[in-house]
Amino acid sequence: MWFWQRTELWLGYSMEEFNRLRRILDQNGIEYDYRIRDRIKMDPFGSERRINSMARMGENPAYRKRYYLYVNKENQEYARHLISDSPKEQ
């Protein structure tokens, strides 16, 4: 799916919710795209940059990754209906 054909359906920090919504879209045959952004920058040698690690002291690790779900613009209304009507997992 090309970026101009899609629209953002959901943005959040919960991997569980992200996976729940993906299952709903899969079960209903809705094509989607996703992106996962990690807020920690790594240097070429695989370690965190020192400035970033000092700036993040006291930060909640649950908010380290941000999850994005995108759907085709044509399916946006139907997809929103599906995810709003589905019960949240406990």
PDB file of N, CA and C in Angstrom:
ATOM      1  N   MET A   1       0.850  -1.165   0.000  1.00  0.00           N
ATOM      2  CA  MET A   1       0.000   0.000   0.000  1.00  0.00           C
ATOM      3  C   MET A   1       0.905   1.240   0.000  1.00  0.00           C
ATOM      4  N   TRP A   2       0.687   2.113  -0.940  1.00  0.00           N
ATOM      5  CA  TRP A   2       1.485   3.339  -1.034  1.00  0.00           C
ATOM      6  C   TRP A   2       1.043   4.339   0.024  1.00  0.00           C
ATOM      7  N   PHE A   3       1.952   5.194   0.463  1.00  0.00           N
ATOM      8  CA  PHE A   3       1.659   6.121   1.557  1.00  0.00           C
ATOM      9  C   PHE A   3       0.512   7.070   1.225  1.00  0.00           C
ATOM     10  N   TRP A   4       0.305   7.407  -0.037  1.00  0.00           N
ATOM     11  CA  TRP A   4      -0.775   8.326  -0.386  1.00  0.00           C
ATOM     12  C   TRP A   4      -2.130   7.608  -0.446  1.00  0.00           C
ATOM     13  N   GLN A   5      -2.123   6.290  -0.378  1.00  0.00           N
ATOM     14  CA  GLN A   5      -3.364   5.519  -0.398  1.00  0.00           C
ATOM     15  C   GLN A   5      -3.852   5.171   1.008  1.00  0.00           C
ATOM     16  N   ARG A   6      -3.071   5.481   2.001  1.00  0.00           N
ATOM     17  CA  ARG A   6      -3.411   5.035   3.350  1.00  0.00           C
ATOM     18  C   ARG A   6      -3.691   6.213   4.279  1.00  0.00           C
ATOM     19  N   THR A   7      -4.322   5.891   5.392  1.00  0.00           N
ATOM     20  CA  THR A   7      -4.583   6.873   6.431  1.00  0.00           C
ATOM     21  C   THR A   7      -4.341   6.207   7.783  1.00  0.00           C
ATOM     22  N   GLU A   8      -3.978   7.007   8.754  1.00  0.00           N
ATOM     23  CA  GLU A   8      -3.677   6.458  10.078  1.00  0.00           C
ATOM     24  C   GLU A   8      -4.963   6.040  10.770  1.00  0.00           C
ATOM     25  N   LEU A   9      -5.013   4.807  11.188  1.00  0.00           N
ATOM     26  CA  LEU A   9      -6.179   4.275  11.894  1.00  0.00           C
ATOM     27  C   LEU A   9      -5.989   4.370  13.402  1.00  0.00           C
ATOM     28  N   TRP A  10      -4.780   4.090  13.866  1.00  0.00           N
ATOM     29  CA  TRP A  10      -4.531   4.038  15.311  1.00  0.00           C
ATOM     30  C   TRP A  10      -3.075   4.347  15.588  1.00  0.00           C
ATOM     31  N   LEU A  11      -2.853   4.982  16.712  1.00  0.00           N
ATOM     32  CA  LEU A  11      -1.513   5.283  17.208  1.00  0.00           C
ATOM     33  C   LEU A  11      -1.540   5.038  18.704  1.00  0.00           C
ATOM     34  N   GLY A  12      -0.588   4.272  19.213  1.00  0.00           N
ATOM     35  CA  GLY A  12      -0.566   4.006  20.640  1.00  0.00           C
ATOM     36  C   GLY A  12       0.743   3.405  21.101  1.00  0.00           C
ATOM     37  N   TYR A  13       0.805   3.139  22.408  1.00  0.00           N
ATOM     38  CA  TYR A  13       2.020   2.614  23.032  1.00  0.00           C
ATOM     39  C   TYR A  13       1.874   1.176  23.516  1.00  0.00           C
ATOM     40  N   SER A  14       0.681   0.604  23.400  1.00  0.00           N
ATOM     41  CA  SER A  14       0.430  -0.740  23.912  1.00  0.00           C
ATOM     42  C   SER A  14       0.604  -1.791  22.816  1.00  0.00           C
ATOM     43  N   MET A  15       1.575  -2.687  23.011  1.00  0.00           N
ATOM     44  CA  MET A  15       1.778  -3.762  22.045  1.00  0.00           C
ATOM     45  C   MET A  15       0.579  -4.710  22.049  1.00  0.00           C
ATOM     46  N   GLU A  16      -0.026  -4.935  23.206  1.00  0.00           N
ATOM     47  CA  GLU A  16      -1.183  -5.823  23.297  1.00  0.00           C
ATOM     48  C   GLU A  16      -2.351  -5.266  22.486  1.00  0.00           C
ATOM     49  N   GLU A  17      -2.622  -3.977  22.628  1.00  0.00           N
ATOM     50  CA  GLU A  17      -3.710  -3.346  21.878  1.00  0.00           C
ATOM     51  C   GLU A  17      -3.391  -3.342  20.381  1.00  0.00           C
ATOM     52  N   PHE A  18      -2.159  -3.069  20.043  1.00  0.00           N
ATOM     53  CA  PHE A  18      -1.707  -3.089  18.652  1.00  0.00           C
ATOM     54  C   PHE A  18      -1.977  -4.454  18.023  1.00  0.00           C
ATOM     55  N   ASN A  19      -1.604  -5.524  18.715  1.00  0.00           N
ATOM     56  CA  ASN A  19      -1.823  -6.878  18.198  1.00  0.00           C
ATOM     57  C   ASN A  19      -3.302  -7.238  18.151  1.00  0.00           C
ATOM     58  N   ARG A  20      -4.074  -6.775  19.121  1.00  0.00           N
ATOM     59  CA  ARG A  20      -5.522  -7.026  19.130  1.00  0.00           C
ATOM     60  C   ARG A  20      -6.179  -6.391  17.903  1.00  0.00           C
ATOM     61  N   LEU A  21      -5.804  -5.153  17.613  1.00  0.00           N
ATOM     62  CA  LEU A  21      -6.380  -4.462  16.460  1.00  0.00           C
ATOM     63  C   LEU A  21      -5.945  -5.106  15.145  1.00  0.00           C
ATOM     64  N   ARG A  22      -4.719  -5.560  15.083  1.00  0.00           N
ATOM     65  CA  ARG A  22      -4.249  -6.253  13.873  1.00  0.00           C
ATOM     66  C   ARG A  22      -5.040  -7.541  13.647  1.00  0.00           C
ATOM     67  N   ARG A  23      -5.327  -8.272  14.727  1.00  0.00           N
ATOM     68  CA  ARG A  23      -6.129  -9.503  14.600  1.00  0.00           C
ATOM     69  C   ARG A  23      -7.521  -9.191  14.052  1.00  0.00           C
ATOM     70  N   ILE A  24      -8.127  -8.121  14.545  1.00  0.00           N
ATOM     71  CA  ILE A  24      -9.462  -7.731  14.074  1.00  0.00           C
ATOM     72  C   ILE A  24      -9.426  -7.419  12.579  1.00  0.00           C
ATOM     73  N   LEU A  25      -8.424  -6.672  12.159  1.00  0.00           N
ATOM     74  CA  LEU A  25      -8.309  -6.333  10.739  1.00  0.00           C
ATOM     75  C   LEU A  25      -8.065  -7.586   9.904  1.00  0.00           C
ATOM     76  N   ASP A  26      -7.205  -8.479  10.383  1.00  0.00           N
ATOM     77  CA  ASP A  26      -6.942  -9.743   9.678  1.00  0.00           C
ATOM     78  C   ASP A  26      -8.215 -10.577   9.537  1.00  0.00           C
ATOM     79  N   GLN A  27      -8.960 -10.709  10.632  1.00  0.00           N
ATOM     80  CA  GLN A  27     -10.167 -11.532  10.631  1.00  0.00           C
ATOM     81  C   GLN A  27     -11.226 -11.000   9.676  1.00  0.00           C
ATOM     82  N   ASN A  28     -11.197  -9.702   9.414  1.00  0.00           N
ATOM     83  CA  ASN A  28     -12.192  -9.091   8.539  1.00  0.00           C
ATOM     84  C   ASN A  28     -11.656  -8.790   7.148  1.00  0.00           C
ATOM     85  N   GLY A  29     -10.473  -9.280   6.856  1.00  0.00           N
ATOM     86  CA  GLY A  29      -9.913  -9.153   5.518  1.00  0.00           C
ATOM     87  C   GLY A  29      -9.546  -7.742   5.102  1.00  0.00           C
ATOM     88  N   ILE A  30      -9.222  -6.899   6.066  1.00  0.00           N
ATOM     89  CA  ILE A  30      -8.842  -5.521   5.760  1.00  0.00           C
ATOM     90  C   ILE A  30      -7.324  -5.437   5.671  1.00  0.00           C
ATOM     91  N   GLU A  31      -6.855  -4.964   4.528  1.00  0.00           N
ATOM     92  CA  GLU A  31      -5.420  -4.795   4.334  1.00  0.00           C
ATOM     93  C   GLU A  31      -4.941  -3.626   5.194  1.00  0.00           C
ATOM     94  N   TYR A  32      -3.820  -3.804   5.845  1.00  0.00           N
ATOM     95  CA  TYR A  32      -3.274  -2.745   6.688  1.00  0.00           C
ATOM     96  C   TYR A  32      -1.767  -2.709   6.557  1.00  0.00           C
ATOM     97  N   ASP A  33      -1.228  -1.625   7.030  1.00  0.00           N
ATOM     98  CA  ASP A  33       0.217  -1.450   7.092  1.00  0.00           C
ATOM     99  C   ASP A  33       0.510  -0.974   8.510  1.00  0.00           C
ATOM    100  N   TYR A  34       1.716  -1.163   8.977  1.00  0.00           N
ATOM    101  CA  TYR A  34       2.043  -0.712  10.326  1.00  0.00           C
ATOM    102  C   TYR A  34       3.467  -0.214  10.387  1.00  0.00           C
ATOM    103  N   ARG A  35       3.729   0.488  11.470  1.00  0.00           N
ATOM    104  CA  ARG A  35       5.070   1.008  11.720  1.00  0.00           C
ATOM    105  C   ARG A  35       5.296   0.982  13.223  1.00  0.00           C
ATOM    106  N   ILE A  36       6.489   0.632  13.623  1.00  0.00           N
ATOM    107  CA  ILE A  36       6.854   0.640  15.040  1.00  0.00           C
ATOM    108  C   ILE A  36       8.072   1.532  15.175  1.00  0.00           C
ATOM    109  N   ARG A  37       7.948   2.562  15.990  1.00  0.00           N
ATOM    110  CA  ARG A  37       9.054   3.502  16.185  1.00  0.00           C
ATOM    111  C   ARG A  37       9.615   3.330  17.588  1.00  0.00           C
ATOM    112  N   ASP A  38      10.900   3.119  17.659  1.00  0.00           N
ATOM    113  CA  ASP A  38      11.595   3.019  18.937  1.00  0.00           C
ATOM    114  C   ASP A  38      12.237   4.367  19.214  1.00  0.00           C
ATOM    115  N   ARG A  39      11.989   4.914  20.384  1.00  0.00           N
ATOM    116  CA  ARG A  39      12.490   6.243  20.710  1.00  0.00           C
ATOM    117  C   ARG A  39      13.976   6.259  21.025  1.00  0.00           C
ATOM    118  N   ILE A  40      14.571   5.111  21.260  1.00  0.00           N
ATOM    119  CA  ILE A  40      15.996   5.065  21.582  1.00  0.00           C
ATOM    120  C   ILE A  40      16.794   4.992  20.291  1.00  0.00           C
ATOM    121  N   LYS A  41      17.719   5.886  20.141  1.00  0.00           N
ATOM    122  CA  LYS A  41      18.594   5.898  18.972  1.00  0.00           C
ATOM    123  C   LYS A  41      19.828   5.059  19.283  1.00  0.00           C
ATOM    124  N   MET A  42      20.223   4.245  18.334  1.00  0.00           N
ATOM    125  CA  MET A  42      21.402   3.404  18.511  1.00  0.00           C
ATOM    126  C   MET A  42      22.525   3.940  17.629  1.00  0.00           C
ATOM    127  N   ASP A  43      23.738   3.808  18.115  1.00  0.00           N
ATOM    128  CA  ASP A  43      24.868   4.192  17.270  1.00  0.00           C
ATOM    129  C   ASP A  43      25.226   2.997  16.380  1.00  0.00           C
ATOM    130  N   PRO A  44      26.116   3.173  15.422  1.00  0.00           N
ATOM    131  CA  PRO A  44      26.444   2.076  14.498  1.00  0.00           C
ATOM    132  C   PRO A  44      26.994   0.822  15.168  1.00  0.00           C
ATOM    133  N   PHE A  45      27.456   0.932  16.401  1.00  0.00           N
ATOM    134  CA  PHE A  45      28.025  -0.215  17.096  1.00  0.00           C
ATOM    135  C   PHE A  45      27.009  -0.936  17.974  1.00  0.00           C
ATOM    136  N   GLY A  46      25.747  -0.490  17.957  1.00  0.00           N
ATOM    137  CA  GLY A  46      24.688  -1.183  18.678  1.00  0.00           C
ATOM    138  C   GLY A  46      24.460  -0.727  20.103  1.00  0.00           C
ATOM    139  N   SER A  47      25.095   0.349  20.536  1.00  0.00           N
ATOM    140  CA  SER A  47      24.842   0.817  21.899  1.00  0.00           C
ATOM    141  C   SER A  47      24.078   2.144  21.854  1.00  0.00           C
ATOM    142  N   GLU A  48      23.378   2.433  22.945  1.00  0.00           N
ATOM    143  CA  GLU A  48      22.607   3.669  23.016  1.00  0.00           C
ATOM    144  C   GLU A  48      23.536   4.870  23.046  1.00  0.00           C
ATOM    145  N   ARG A  49      23.057   5.936  22.498  1.00  0.00           N
ATOM    146  CA  ARG A  49      23.838   7.162  22.593  1.00  0.00           C
ATOM    147  C   ARG A  49      23.756   7.677  24.024  1.00  0.00           C
ATOM    148  N   ARG A  50      24.870   8.098  24.547  1.00  0.00           N
ATOM    149  CA  ARG A  50      24.946   8.503  25.946  1.00  0.00           C
ATOM    150  C   ARG A  50      24.028   9.680  26.261  1.00  0.00           C
ATOM    151  N   ILE A  51      23.953  10.631  25.393  1.00  0.00           N
ATOM    152  CA  ILE A  51      23.103  11.799  25.652  1.00  0.00           C
ATOM    153  C   ILE A  51      21.655  11.365  25.797  1.00  0.00           C
ATOM    154  N   ASN A  52      21.198  10.495  24.904  1.00  0.00           N
ATOM    155  CA  ASN A  52      19.820  10.028  24.982  1.00  0.00           C
ATOM    156  C   ASN A  52      19.562   9.262  26.271  1.00  0.00           C
ATOM    157  N   SER A  53      20.502   8.419  26.674  1.00  0.00           N
ATOM    158  CA  SER A  53      20.268   7.624  27.879  1.00  0.00           C
ATOM    159  C   SER A  53      20.240   8.502  29.125  1.00  0.00           C
ATOM    160  N   MET A  54      21.035   9.548  29.166  1.00  0.00           N
ATOM    161  CA  MET A  54      21.000  10.468  30.312  1.00  0.00           C
ATOM    162  C   MET A  54      19.700  11.272  30.320  1.00  0.00           C
ATOM    163  N   ALA A  55      19.231  11.657  29.167  1.00  0.00           N
ATOM    164  CA  ALA A  55      18.007  12.460  29.077  1.00  0.00           C
ATOM    165  C   ALA A  55      16.770  11.648  29.436  1.00  0.00           C
ATOM    166  N   ARG A  56      16.838  10.316  29.323  1.00  0.00           N
ATOM    167  CA  ARG A  56      15.677   9.474  29.570  1.00  0.00           C
ATOM    168  C   ARG A  56      15.603   8.940  30.988  1.00  0.00           C
ATOM    169  N   MET A  57      16.465   9.359  31.877  1.00  0.00           N
ATOM    170  CA  MET A  57      16.427   8.841  33.247  1.00  0.00           C
ATOM    171  C   MET A  57      15.058   9.120  33.855  1.00  0.00           C
ATOM    172  N   GLY A  58      14.435   8.107  34.416  1.00  0.00           N
ATOM    173  CA  GLY A  58      13.128   8.248  35.027  1.00  0.00           C
ATOM    174  C   GLY A  58      11.974   8.094  34.049  1.00  0.00           C
ATOM    175  N   GLU A  59      12.261   7.853  32.802  1.00  0.00           N
ATOM    176  CA  GLU A  59      11.211   7.689  31.798  1.00  0.00           C
ATOM    177  C   GLU A  59      10.593   6.304  31.914  1.00  0.00           C
ATOM    178  N   ASN A  60       9.297   6.232  31.722  1.00  0.00           N
ATOM    179  CA  ASN A  60       8.584   4.962  31.793  1.00  0.00           C
ATOM    180  C   ASN A  60       8.911   4.114  30.556  1.00  0.00           C
ATOM    181  N   PRO A  61       9.483   2.916  30.724  1.00  0.00           N
ATOM    182  CA  PRO A  61       9.857   2.090  29.564  1.00  0.00           C
ATOM    183  C   PRO A  61       8.653   1.604  28.756  1.00  0.00           C
ATOM    184  N   ALA A  62       7.455   1.657  29.337  1.00  0.00           N
ATOM    185  CA  ALA A  62       6.260   1.246  28.597  1.00  0.00           C
ATOM    186  C   ALA A  62       5.982   2.171  27.418  1.00  0.00           C
ATOM    187  N   TYR A  63       6.542   3.367  27.454  1.00  0.00           N
ATOM    188  CA  TYR A  63       6.317   4.335  26.380  1.00  0.00           C
ATOM    189  C   TYR A  63       7.521   4.445  25.447  1.00  0.00           C
ATOM    190  N   ARG A  64       8.346   3.445  25.439  1.00  0.00           N
ATOM    191  CA  ARG A  64       9.545   3.469  24.601  1.00  0.00           C
ATOM    192  C   ARG A  64       9.206   3.290  23.121  1.00  0.00           C
ATOM    193  N   LYS A  65       8.235   2.429  22.830  1.00  0.00           N
ATOM    194  CA  LYS A  65       7.864   2.164  21.439  1.00  0.00           C
ATOM    195  C   LYS A  65       6.492   2.748  21.143  1.00  0.00           C
ATOM    196  N   ARG A  66       6.374   3.291  19.939  1.00  0.00           N
ATOM    197  CA  ARG A  66       5.104   3.845  19.479  1.00  0.00           C
ATOM    198  C   ARG A  66       4.662   3.018  18.273  1.00  0.00           C
ATOM    199  N   TYR A  67       3.414   2.572  18.304  1.00  0.00           N
ATOM    200  CA  TYR A  67       2.870   1.703  17.265  1.00  0.00           C
ATOM    201  C   TYR A  67       1.864   2.480  16.417  1.00  0.00           C
ATOM    202  N   TYR A  68       1.974   2.324  15.107  1.00  0.00           N
ATOM    203  CA  TYR A  68       1.072   2.979  14.164  1.00  0.00           C
ATOM    204  C   TYR A  68       0.392   1.909  13.311  1.00  0.00           C
ATOM    205  N   LEU A  69      -0.907   2.074  13.077  1.00  0.00           N
ATOM    206  CA  LEU A  69      -1.647   1.212  12.154  1.00  0.00           C
ATOM    207  C   LEU A  69      -2.255   2.085  11.069  1.00  0.00           C
ATOM    208  N   TYR A  70      -2.091   1.664   9.829  1.00  0.00           N
ATOM    209  CA  TYR A  70      -2.628   2.388   8.682  1.00  0.00           C
ATOM    210  C   TYR A  70      -3.528   1.460   7.878  1.00  0.00           C
ATOM    211  N   VAL A  71      -4.597   2.021   7.320  1.00  0.00           N
ATOM    212  CA  VAL A  71      -5.466   1.274   6.412  1.00  0.00           C
ATOM    213  C   VAL A  71      -5.659   2.086   5.144  1.00  0.00           C
ATOM    214  N   ASN A  72      -6.120   1.402   4.112  1.00  0.00           N
ATOM    215  CA  ASN A  72      -6.450   2.066   2.865  1.00  0.00           C
ATOM    216  C   ASN A  72      -7.560   3.080   3.137  1.00  0.00           C
ATOM    217  N   LYS A  73      -7.484   4.237   2.524  1.00  0.00           N
ATOM    218  CA  LYS A  73      -8.479   5.290   2.750  1.00  0.00           C
ATOM    219  C   LYS A  73      -9.899   4.803   2.488  1.00  0.00           C
ATOM    220  N   GLU A  74     -10.050   3.905   1.525  1.00  0.00           N
ATOM    221  CA  GLU A  74     -11.377   3.378   1.193  1.00  0.00           C
ATOM    222  C   GLU A  74     -11.957   2.530   2.326  1.00  0.00           C
ATOM    223  N   ASN A  75     -11.112   1.932   3.144  1.00  0.00           N
ATOM    224  CA  ASN A  75     -11.565   1.046   4.229  1.00  0.00           C
ATOM    225  C   ASN A  75     -11.588   1.723   5.591  1.00  0.00           C
ATOM    226  N   GLN A  76     -11.252   2.982   5.656  1.00  0.00           N
ATOM    227  CA  GLN A  76     -11.094   3.653   6.943  1.00  0.00           C
ATOM    228  C   GLN A  76     -12.367   3.612   7.794  1.00  0.00           C
ATOM    229  N   GLU A  77     -13.494   3.963   7.222  1.00  0.00           N
ATOM    230  CA  GLU A  77     -14.736   4.021   7.996  1.00  0.00           C
ATOM    231  C   GLU A  77     -15.115   2.641   8.540  1.00  0.00           C
ATOM    232  N   TYR A  78     -15.019   1.626   7.705  1.00  0.00           N
ATOM    233  CA  TYR A  78     -15.345   0.262   8.125  1.00  0.00           C
ATOM    234  C   TYR A  78     -14.379  -0.218   9.209  1.00  0.00           C
ATOM    235  N   ALA A  79     -13.102   0.057   9.040  1.00  0.00           N
ATOM    236  CA  ALA A  79     -12.097  -0.361  10.023  1.00  0.00           C
ATOM    237  C   ALA A  79     -12.330   0.330  11.363  1.00  0.00           C
ATOM    238  N   ARG A  80     -12.637   1.617  11.345  1.00  0.00           N
ATOM    239  CA  ARG A  80     -12.923   2.333  12.600  1.00  0.00           C
ATOM    240  C   ARG A  80     -14.140   1.743  13.298  1.00  0.00           C
ATOM    241  N   HIS A  81     -15.142   1.397  12.513  1.00  0.00           N
ATOM    242  CA  HIS A  81     -16.342   0.773  13.072  1.00  0.00           C
ATOM    243  C   HIS A  81     -15.990  -0.557  13.747  1.00  0.00           C
ATOM    244  N   LEU A  82     -15.179  -1.363  13.090  1.00  0.00           N
ATOM    245  CA  LEU A  82     -14.799  -2.669  13.646  1.00  0.00           C
ATOM    246  C   LEU A  82     -14.031  -2.536  14.954  1.00  0.00           C
ATOM    247  N   ILE A  83     -13.054  -1.644  14.989  1.00  0.00           N
ATOM    248  CA  ILE A  83     -12.231  -1.561  16.198  1.00  0.00           C
ATOM    249  C   ILE A  83     -12.967  -0.861  17.337  1.00  0.00           C
ATOM    250  N   SER A  84     -13.934  -0.004  17.016  1.00  0.00           N
ATOM    251  CA  SER A  84     -14.667   0.665  18.097  1.00  0.00           C
ATOM    252  C   SER A  84     -15.726  -0.250  18.698  1.00  0.00           C
ATOM    253  N   ASP A  85     -16.249  -1.196  17.909  1.00  0.00           N
ATOM    254  CA  ASP A  85     -17.278  -2.109  18.400  1.00  0.00           C
ATOM    255  C   ASP A  85     -16.723  -3.341  19.093  1.00  0.00           C
ATOM    256  N   SER A  86     -15.443  -3.617  18.928  1.00  0.00           N
ATOM    257  CA  SER A  86     -14.876  -4.831  19.516  1.00  0.00           C
ATOM    258  C   SER A  86     -14.531  -4.598  20.984  1.00  0.00           C
ATOM    259  N   PRO A  87     -14.851  -5.569  21.834  1.00  0.00           N
ATOM    260  CA  PRO A  87     -14.525  -5.416  23.259  1.00  0.00           C
ATOM    261  C   PRO A  87     -13.022  -5.499  23.501  1.00  0.00           C
ATOM    262  N   LYS A  88     -12.553  -4.723  24.429  1.00  0.00           N
ATOM    263  CA  LYS A  88     -11.134  -4.746  24.791  1.00  0.00           C
ATOM    264  C   LYS A  88     -10.851  -6.005  25.601  1.00  0.00           C
ATOM    265  N   GLU A  89      -9.657  -6.574  25.396  1.00  0.00           N
ATOM    266  CA  GLU A  89      -9.259  -7.759  26.157  1.00  0.00           C
ATOM    267  C   GLU A  89      -8.872  -7.351  27.565  1.00  0.00           C
ATOM    268  N   GLN A  90      -9.167  -8.203  28.504  1.00  0.00           N
ATOM    269  CA  GLN A  90      -8.847  -7.921  29.911  1.00  0.00           C
ATOM    270  C   GLN A  90      -7.530  -8.519  30.285  1.00  0.00           C
TER     271      GLN A  90
END
